[in-house]
Amino acid sequence: MKPLLSFLASFLVLCLLSGCWDNNELDEYGYVQAISIDQGEGGFIDITTHFYNPSSKMQSGMATNASVKGINIHTTGETFFEAMREIPTKFGRKAKWDHMRVIIIGEKLARTLNIREVLDFFSRDHEPRGTILPIIAEKSAAEFLDIKPFIEQTIGQQYRKMETIGSLYSAKTSNLPLYDLAIQLSSPSKTSAMPYLHKNSLDNKAAISGVALIQDGKMVGILKEKDTETLMMLTDRYNYGVFEFPCMNHEKKQIYNKESLEIINLNSQLVSKVKNENVIVDIHMSIEGTTGELRCSDLKTKQDMERFEQTIKDQVEHQIQHTIRTLKAKKIDVLGIGNQIYQNNPKLWKQLEPIWVDKLAQMQFQTHVQVHVLSTGMNAGTIFGKKEY
């Protein structure tokens, strides 16, 4: 009797679990790869949703151009949610957000509206993932979705790769997922540095380099590539890159007399302290790398190597001071000094917070940089093709 009761109980459970009561057909959805958000006329929000087009994979037995892999649908509304609800009326499918790669926000909107309001839907809805990459675009964001991808199947995936790989190997921009942006904007400093998408001045091609500075939800400025590279160093987010510096005993304005170091390991730490109401920040940085190019230096002796490392150290410190002056002039705590003070002494931060903008301009920085060249390559410290004596 017991086996029969067990069988009947199992059968009833299986009946309850089976079925397709919540099924959704694939042809009801369009899979979003990217979205652009711009400031429209009359206070409206313009969005362009970039969908993946699976039917374009093969046509008449031949692969089609990569540009038709994406379909752009333009909608508008007084709120983002209203503009999003218009998509089915124009596309015939409901937008599916869980495969989205990037969110592109136009610079005009980022400077006038609080991006917290713009991004609220993506943090509240259950479909979008926290790993989506938000980007600030030069002028209007929508035009960047009309660009053909180089090798990826959609332009959304192309921009995602440009940001992640560019940040990893060149440090000329940041890699900032949506969940990290939310943490930064809710921190005591309320600042962030978002990747900046723009047209390259040389060939007018799209590029992601530099960062847009965000203060309390609004864009307040831009850091160019060189200062962004230093920012990545100071915030300990520098993975790999190439550091250029002028040759020893050569004028800095002569660009053809520059040498380079390939950085393979960089560690930095910012230690802040408040003394007599003055904020003092000690910068400790350690750099290891190999020579990338030698154009005028011979590294044959220990003394040659020490002078070479000192030249790099001096240039790194000079670049740090330039970036710090830029940030102090903009009065933005993108280094997170306020966050550090709050973590160490919340009571002290409560006193400093109302006057923090003024404190930023008066902040003192002390740099301590160490450089170690691990290898000079196959030519053992001699310029290629130069005769050794």
Protein backbone atom coordinates (compact mmCIF):
# COMPACT_ATOMS: atom_id res chain seq x y z
CA MET A 1 0.00 0.00 0.00
CA LYS A 2 2.85 2.38 0.83
CA PRO A 3 4.46 2.22 -2.65
CA LEU A 4 1.08 2.97 -4.25
CA LEU A 5 0.52 6.03 -2.04
CA SER A 6 4.04 7.30 -2.82
CA PHE A 7 3.42 6.85 -6.56
CA LEU A 8 0.10 8.72 -6.43
CA ALA A 9 1.63 11.57 -4.41
CA SER A 10 4.54 11.91 -6.86
CA PHE A 11 2.13 11.84 -9.82
CA LEU A 12 0.01 14.64 -8.36
CA VAL A 13 3.11 16.80 -7.72
CA LEU A 14 4.32 16.28 -11.30
CA CYS A 15 0.90 17.27 -12.64
CA LEU A 16 1.03 20.50 -10.68
CA LEU A 17 4.55 21.33 -11.89
CA SER A 18 3.99 20.55 -15.57
CA GLY A 19 2.38 22.78 -18.16
CA CYS A 20 3.12 26.06 -19.93
CA TRP A 21 0.94 28.47 -17.98
CA ASP A 22 3.59 31.25 -18.12
CA ASN A 23 5.11 30.58 -21.55
CA ASN A 24 6.14 33.42 -23.86
CA GLU A 25 6.79 32.92 -27.54
CA LEU A 26 10.09 34.09 -29.00
CA ASP A 27 8.37 36.09 -31.73
CA GLU A 28 6.70 38.28 -29.09
CA TYR A 29 10.01 39.85 -28.07
CA GLY A 30 12.75 42.01 -29.53
CA TYR A 31 16.13 41.63 -27.85
CA VAL A 32 17.67 45.00 -26.99
CA GLN A 33 21.41 45.41 -27.54
CA ALA A 34 21.74 49.13 -26.80
CA ILE A 35 19.68 52.20 -26.08
CA SER A 36 20.37 55.92 -26.51
CA ILE A 37 18.68 58.56 -24.37
CA ASP A 38 18.60 62.23 -25.44
CA GLN A 39 17.01 65.48 -24.37
CA GLY A 40 14.15 66.18 -26.78
CA GLU A 41 12.22 69.34 -27.51
CA GLY A 42 9.68 70.70 -25.06
CA GLY A 43 11.04 68.72 -22.13
CA PHE A 44 10.43 65.35 -23.84
CA ILE A 45 12.89 62.44 -23.73
CA ASP A 46 13.95 60.86 -27.03
CA ILE A 47 15.12 57.27 -26.98
CA THR A 48 16.49 55.05 -29.73
CA THR A 49 16.34 51.33 -28.98
CA HIS A 50 18.79 49.14 -30.90
CA PHE A 51 17.44 45.59 -31.39
CA TYR A 52 19.25 42.49 -32.57
CA ASN A 53 17.92 41.21 -35.91
CA PRO A 54 18.37 37.40 -35.98
CA SER A 55 16.65 37.00 -39.37
CA SER A 56 19.51 38.84 -41.10
CA LYS A 57 22.05 36.12 -40.32
CA MET A 58 21.63 34.39 -43.64
CA GLN A 59 19.93 35.62 -46.74
CA SER A 60 19.77 33.60 -49.93
CA GLY A 61 22.51 31.35 -48.62
CA MET A 62 24.97 34.23 -48.11
CA ALA A 63 25.94 36.20 -45.01
CA THR A 64 24.61 39.73 -45.03
CA ASN A 65 26.38 42.91 -44.04
CA ALA A 66 26.88 43.32 -40.30
CA SER A 67 25.08 46.66 -40.35
CA VAL A 68 21.66 45.01 -40.81
CA LYS A 69 22.15 42.99 -37.63
CA GLY A 70 20.71 45.94 -35.72
CA ILE A 71 17.35 47.69 -36.00
CA ASN A 72 16.83 51.16 -34.51
CA ILE A 73 13.39 52.15 -33.19
CA HIS A 74 12.85 55.82 -32.23
CA THR A 75 10.26 56.76 -29.59
CA THR A 76 9.62 59.78 -27.38
CA GLY A 77 7.73 60.68 -24.20
CA GLU A 78 7.58 62.97 -21.19
CA THR A 79 9.17 60.18 -19.15
CA PHE A 80 11.47 57.34 -20.10
CA PHE A 81 8.79 54.79 -19.17
CA GLU A 82 6.28 56.45 -21.50
CA ALA A 83 8.78 56.48 -24.37
CA MET A 84 9.59 52.82 -23.73
CA ARG A 85 5.90 51.85 -23.84
CA GLU A 86 5.68 53.18 -27.40
CA ILE A 87 8.10 50.54 -28.70
CA PRO A 88 5.51 47.78 -29.39
CA THR A 89 3.36 50.21 -31.41
CA LYS A 90 6.28 50.86 -33.79
CA PHE A 91 8.17 47.57 -33.64
CA GLY A 92 5.41 45.01 -33.09
CA ARG A 93 7.34 43.32 -30.29
CA LYS A 94 7.89 43.87 -26.59
CA ALA A 95 11.40 44.99 -25.68
CA LYS A 96 13.45 42.36 -23.84
CA TRP A 97 16.13 44.11 -21.74
CA ASP A 98 18.15 41.29 -20.19
CA HIS A 99 20.64 41.04 -23.09
CA MET A 100 21.38 44.76 -23.34
CA ARG A 101 25.05 45.73 -23.62
CA VAL A 102 25.24 49.53 -23.18
CA ILE A 103 23.15 52.57 -22.24
CA ILE A 104 24.25 55.70 -24.12
CA ILE A 105 23.24 59.04 -22.59
CA GLY A 106 23.56 62.22 -24.65
CA GLU A 107 25.81 64.95 -23.26
CA LYS A 108 23.07 67.60 -23.48
CA LEU A 109 20.76 65.51 -21.32
CA ALA A 110 23.54 64.58 -18.88
CA ARG A 111 24.33 68.27 -18.29
CA THR A 112 20.71 69.34 -17.72
CA LEU A 113 18.89 66.38 -16.13
CA ASN A 114 19.90 64.19 -13.22
CA ILE A 115 21.02 60.86 -14.71
CA ARG A 116 19.73 59.11 -11.59
CA GLU A 117 16.22 59.76 -12.91
CA VAL A 118 17.16 58.52 -16.39
CA LEU A 119 18.71 55.30 -15.11
CA ASP A 120 16.08 54.60 -12.45
CA PHE A 121 14.13 52.19 -14.69
CA PHE A 122 17.19 50.02 -15.36
CA SER A 123 17.90 49.61 -11.65
CA ARG A 124 14.26 48.99 -10.73
CA ASP A 125 13.05 46.60 -13.45
CA HIS A 126 13.84 42.88 -13.03
CA GLU A 127 15.17 42.35 -16.60
CA PRO A 128 18.14 44.73 -17.02
CA ARG A 129 21.37 43.45 -15.48
CA GLY A 130 23.69 45.38 -13.19
CA THR A 131 26.56 44.67 -15.59
CA ILE A 132 25.17 46.96 -18.33
CA LEU A 133 27.69 49.66 -19.22
CA PRO A 134 26.38 53.27 -19.12
CA ILE A 135 28.23 55.72 -21.41
CA ILE A 136 28.07 59.48 -21.96
CA ALA A 137 28.06 60.45 -25.66
CA GLU A 138 29.28 63.68 -27.20
CA LYS A 139 26.33 65.94 -28.09
CA SER A 140 23.56 63.56 -29.22
CA ALA A 141 23.60 59.85 -28.34
CA ALA A 142 21.21 58.62 -31.06
CA GLU A 143 23.61 59.21 -33.97
CA PHE A 144 26.13 56.79 -32.47
CA LEU A 145 23.67 53.91 -32.95
CA ASP A 146 23.65 54.50 -36.73
CA ILE A 147 27.36 53.62 -36.98
CA LYS A 148 28.31 50.25 -38.47
CA PRO A 149 30.21 47.88 -36.13
CA PHE A 150 33.71 46.83 -37.13
CA ILE A 151 33.71 43.15 -36.21
CA GLU A 152 30.94 42.60 -33.65
CA GLN A 153 27.45 41.75 -34.86
CA THR A 154 25.79 44.83 -33.34
CA ILE A 155 27.03 48.32 -32.51
CA GLY A 156 25.94 47.79 -28.89
CA GLN A 157 28.35 44.88 -28.53
CA GLN A 158 31.02 46.89 -30.38
CA TYR A 159 30.83 49.74 -27.84
CA ARG A 160 30.89 47.28 -24.94
CA LYS A 161 34.11 45.74 -26.26
CA MET A 162 35.64 49.16 -26.93
CA GLU A 163 35.03 50.17 -23.32
CA THR A 164 36.10 46.96 -21.57
CA ILE A 165 39.17 46.17 -23.70
CA GLY A 166 40.19 49.83 -24.00
CA SER A 167 40.03 50.25 -20.24
CA LEU A 168 41.98 47.04 -19.63
CA TYR A 169 44.87 47.54 -22.05
CA SER A 170 45.21 51.30 -22.52
CA ALA A 171 43.70 52.87 -19.34
CA LYS A 172 42.46 55.79 -21.47
CA THR A 173 38.89 55.33 -20.22
CA SER A 174 37.09 53.64 -17.34
CA ASN A 175 35.04 50.46 -17.20
CA LEU A 176 31.94 51.28 -15.16
CA PRO A 177 29.03 48.80 -14.81
CA LEU A 178 25.61 50.11 -13.80
CA TYR A 179 25.82 48.76 -10.24
CA ASP A 180 29.19 50.49 -9.66
CA LEU A 181 27.76 53.77 -10.95
CA ALA A 182 24.86 53.46 -8.48
CA ILE A 183 27.30 52.91 -5.60
CA GLN A 184 29.45 55.90 -6.60
CA LEU A 185 26.50 58.28 -7.00
CA SER A 186 25.14 57.28 -3.58
CA SER A 187 28.53 57.68 -1.87
CA PRO A 188 29.32 60.71 0.35
CA SER A 189 31.31 62.35 -2.47
CA LYS A 190 28.44 61.77 -4.98
CA THR A 191 30.92 61.70 -7.87
CA SER A 192 31.72 59.37 -10.74
CA ALA A 193 33.77 59.21 -13.95
CA MET A 194 31.79 57.69 -16.84
CA PRO A 195 33.31 56.56 -20.18
CA TYR A 196 33.04 59.20 -22.91
CA LEU A 197 31.95 58.27 -26.45
CA HIS A 198 32.90 60.77 -29.13
CA LYS A 199 34.03 61.24 -32.73
CA ASN A 200 37.79 61.04 -33.25
CA SER A 201 39.19 64.35 -34.55
CA LEU A 202 41.57 62.58 -36.96
CA ASP A 203 39.22 60.26 -38.88
CA ASN A 204 35.77 61.14 -37.46
CA LYS A 205 35.33 57.55 -36.26
CA ALA A 206 33.61 56.71 -32.99
CA ALA A 207 35.97 56.22 -30.05
CA ILE A 208 35.61 55.68 -26.31
CA SER A 209 38.36 57.58 -24.52
CA GLY A 210 38.49 60.03 -21.66
CA VAL A 211 35.77 60.26 -19.03
CA ALA A 212 32.78 62.47 -18.30
CA LEU A 213 32.86 63.83 -14.75
CA ILE A 214 29.58 63.41 -12.87
CA GLN A 215 28.80 65.44 -9.75
CA ASP A 216 25.59 64.75 -7.82
CA GLY A 217 23.97 63.15 -10.88
CA LYS A 218 24.90 65.77 -13.50
CA MET A 219 27.79 66.01 -15.94
CA VAL A 220 30.12 68.90 -15.02
CA GLY A 221 33.12 68.36 -17.29
CA ILE A 222 35.40 66.05 -19.28
CA LEU A 223 38.83 64.60 -18.57
CA LYS A 224 40.95 64.01 -21.66
CA GLU A 225 42.93 60.82 -22.31
CA LYS A 226 46.16 61.80 -20.53
CA ASP A 227 44.43 62.95 -17.35
CA THR A 228 42.14 59.90 -17.49
CA GLU A 229 45.19 57.66 -17.60
CA THR A 230 46.51 59.38 -14.46
CA LEU A 231 43.09 59.12 -12.80
CA MET A 232 43.14 55.35 -13.38
CA MET A 233 46.58 55.27 -11.75
CA LEU A 234 45.50 57.29 -8.72
CA THR A 235 42.34 55.22 -8.13
CA ASP A 236 44.25 51.93 -8.49
CA ARG A 237 42.27 50.87 -11.58
CA TYR A 238 45.23 50.87 -13.98
CA ASN A 239 45.81 47.36 -15.36
CA TYR A 240 48.06 47.67 -18.42
CA GLY A 241 49.18 50.53 -20.60
CA VAL A 242 52.03 52.44 -22.20
CA PHE A 243 53.54 55.45 -20.46
CA GLU A 244 55.35 57.96 -22.69
CA PHE A 245 58.01 60.35 -21.44
CA PRO A 246 60.61 62.70 -23.00
CA CYS A 247 64.16 61.55 -23.52
CA MET A 248 66.72 62.57 -20.93
CA ASN A 249 68.33 65.93 -21.74
CA HIS A 250 65.90 66.57 -24.60
CA GLU A 251 63.25 69.26 -24.93
CA LYS A 252 59.78 68.03 -24.01
CA LYS A 253 58.18 69.71 -27.01
CA GLN A 254 59.98 67.36 -29.40
CA ILE A 255 57.52 64.51 -29.68
CA TYR A 256 59.86 62.41 -31.84
CA ASN A 257 62.27 62.33 -28.90
CA LYS A 258 59.93 60.41 -26.64
CA GLU A 259 60.47 56.97 -25.18
CA SER A 260 57.97 54.61 -23.59
CA LEU A 261 57.51 52.14 -20.77
CA GLU A 262 55.05 49.26 -21.00
CA ILE A 263 53.43 49.10 -17.55
CA ILE A 264 52.59 45.57 -16.46
CA ASN A 265 51.95 46.19 -12.77
CA LEU A 266 50.83 49.33 -10.96
CA ASN A 267 49.67 49.69 -7.36
CA SER A 268 48.59 52.93 -5.75
CA GLN A 269 47.09 54.02 -2.47
CA LEU A 270 45.69 57.36 -1.32
CA VAL A 271 45.95 58.07 2.40
CA SER A 272 44.07 61.15 3.58
CA LYS A 273 44.33 62.95 6.91
CA VAL A 274 42.92 66.17 8.34
CA LYS A 275 45.30 68.35 10.31
CA ASN A 276 44.27 71.77 11.62
CA GLU A 277 41.26 71.71 9.26
CA ASN A 278 43.59 71.14 6.28
CA VAL A 279 43.13 68.01 4.18
CA ILE A 280 46.42 66.33 3.26
CA VAL A 281 46.59 63.37 0.89
CA ASP A 282 49.64 61.10 0.57
CA ILE A 283 49.92 59.32 -2.79
CA HIS A 284 51.89 56.07 -2.73
CA MET A 285 52.45 54.52 -6.14
CA SER A 286 54.58 51.60 -7.31
CA ILE A 287 55.16 50.98 -11.04
CA GLU A 288 56.76 47.97 -12.74
CA GLY A 289 57.26 47.66 -16.47
CA THR A 290 59.47 46.92 -19.44
CA THR A 291 60.97 49.31 -21.96
CA GLY A 292 58.64 49.80 -24.92
CA GLU A 293 60.77 52.10 -27.09
CA LEU A 294 64.30 53.44 -26.74
CA ARG A 295 65.17 56.35 -29.02
CA CYS A 296 67.97 58.14 -27.23
CA SER A 297 68.83 56.22 -24.03
CA ASP A 298 71.47 53.51 -23.61
CA LEU A 299 70.88 51.35 -20.55
CA LYS A 300 74.18 49.57 -20.22
CA THR A 301 75.08 50.21 -16.60
CA LYS A 302 73.31 50.32 -13.26
CA GLN A 303 73.72 54.10 -13.20
CA ASP A 304 72.09 54.36 -16.65
CA MET A 305 69.11 52.37 -15.39
CA GLU A 306 68.77 54.48 -12.23
CA ARG A 307 68.75 57.69 -14.30
CA PHE A 308 66.22 56.14 -16.68
CA GLU A 309 63.90 55.15 -13.80
CA GLN A 310 64.30 58.60 -12.24
CA THR A 311 63.24 60.22 -15.52
CA ILE A 312 60.07 58.09 -15.57
CA LYS A 313 59.40 58.85 -11.90
CA ASP A 314 59.73 62.60 -12.48
CA GLN A 315 57.36 62.47 -15.45
CA VAL A 316 54.77 60.42 -13.55
CA GLU A 317 54.85 62.92 -10.68
CA HIS A 318 54.56 65.82 -13.14
CA GLN A 319 51.53 64.18 -14.75
CA ILE A 320 49.94 63.52 -11.35
CA GLN A 321 50.30 67.18 -10.39
CA HIS A 322 48.74 68.27 -13.70
CA THR A 323 45.70 66.02 -13.17
CA ILE A 324 45.31 67.12 -9.56
CA ARG A 325 45.35 70.80 -10.62
CA THR A 326 42.66 70.02 -13.19
CA LEU A 327 40.43 68.26 -10.64
CA LYS A 328 40.94 71.02 -8.06
CA ALA A 329 39.99 73.65 -10.64
CA LYS A 330 36.80 71.73 -11.44
CA LYS A 331 36.15 71.24 -7.70
CA ILE A 332 35.13 67.62 -8.08
CA ASP A 333 36.18 64.81 -5.74
CA VAL A 334 36.45 62.05 -8.33
CA LEU A 335 39.35 60.56 -6.34
CA GLY A 336 36.93 59.74 -3.51
CA ILE A 337 38.82 61.54 -0.72
CA GLY A 338 35.52 62.46 0.94
CA ASN A 339 34.46 58.80 0.91
CA GLN A 340 37.67 57.86 2.67
CA ILE A 341 37.23 60.52 5.36
CA TYR A 342 33.62 59.39 5.91
CA GLN A 343 34.70 55.74 6.34
CA ASN A 344 37.43 56.67 8.83
CA ASN A 345 35.55 59.38 10.74
CA PRO A 346 31.83 59.92 9.94
CA LYS A 347 31.55 62.68 12.55
CA LEU A 348 34.41 64.64 10.96
CA TRP A 349 32.89 64.22 7.49
CA LYS A 350 29.60 65.66 8.74
CA GLN A 351 31.50 68.83 9.68
CA LEU A 352 33.43 69.00 6.41
CA GLU A 353 30.58 68.15 4.01
CA PRO A 354 28.97 71.64 3.87
CA ILE A 355 32.34 73.25 2.96
CA TRP A 356 33.79 70.31 1.01
CA VAL A 357 33.85 72.17 -2.32
CA ASP A 358 36.12 74.84 -0.81
CA LYS A 359 38.29 72.19 0.84
CA LEU A 360 38.88 70.53 -2.53
CA ALA A 361 40.55 73.65 -3.92
CA GLN A 362 42.84 73.91 -0.87
CA MET A 363 43.72 70.22 -0.58
CA GLN A 364 47.44 69.35 -0.35
CA PHE A 365 48.90 66.32 -2.12
CA GLN A 366 52.24 64.63 -1.45
CA THR A 367 53.44 62.12 -4.03
CA HIS A 368 55.70 59.11 -3.42
CA VAL A 369 56.38 57.20 -6.65
CA GLN A 370 58.64 54.18 -7.15
CA VAL A 371 59.57 52.90 -10.64
CA HIS A 372 61.22 49.57 -11.39
CA VAL A 373 62.16 48.58 -14.97
CA LEU A 374 62.07 44.78 -15.09
CA SER A 375 63.47 44.22 -18.58
CA THR A 376 64.96 46.12 -21.50
CA GLY A 377 64.10 43.54 -24.15
CA MET A 378 66.25 41.62 -26.63
CA ASN A 379 68.72 44.43 -27.33
CA ALA A 380 69.70 44.63 -23.66
CA GLY A 381 69.31 48.38 -23.28
CA THR A 382 70.83 49.42 -26.61
CA ILE A 383 68.94 51.30 -29.32
CA PHE A 384 68.08 49.04 -32.26
CA GLY A 385 70.82 49.00 -34.91
CA LYS A 386 73.21 51.17 -32.88
CA LYS A 387 76.81 50.00 -32.73
CA GLU A 388 78.06 49.10 -29.27
CA TYR A 389 81.50 50.29 -28.20
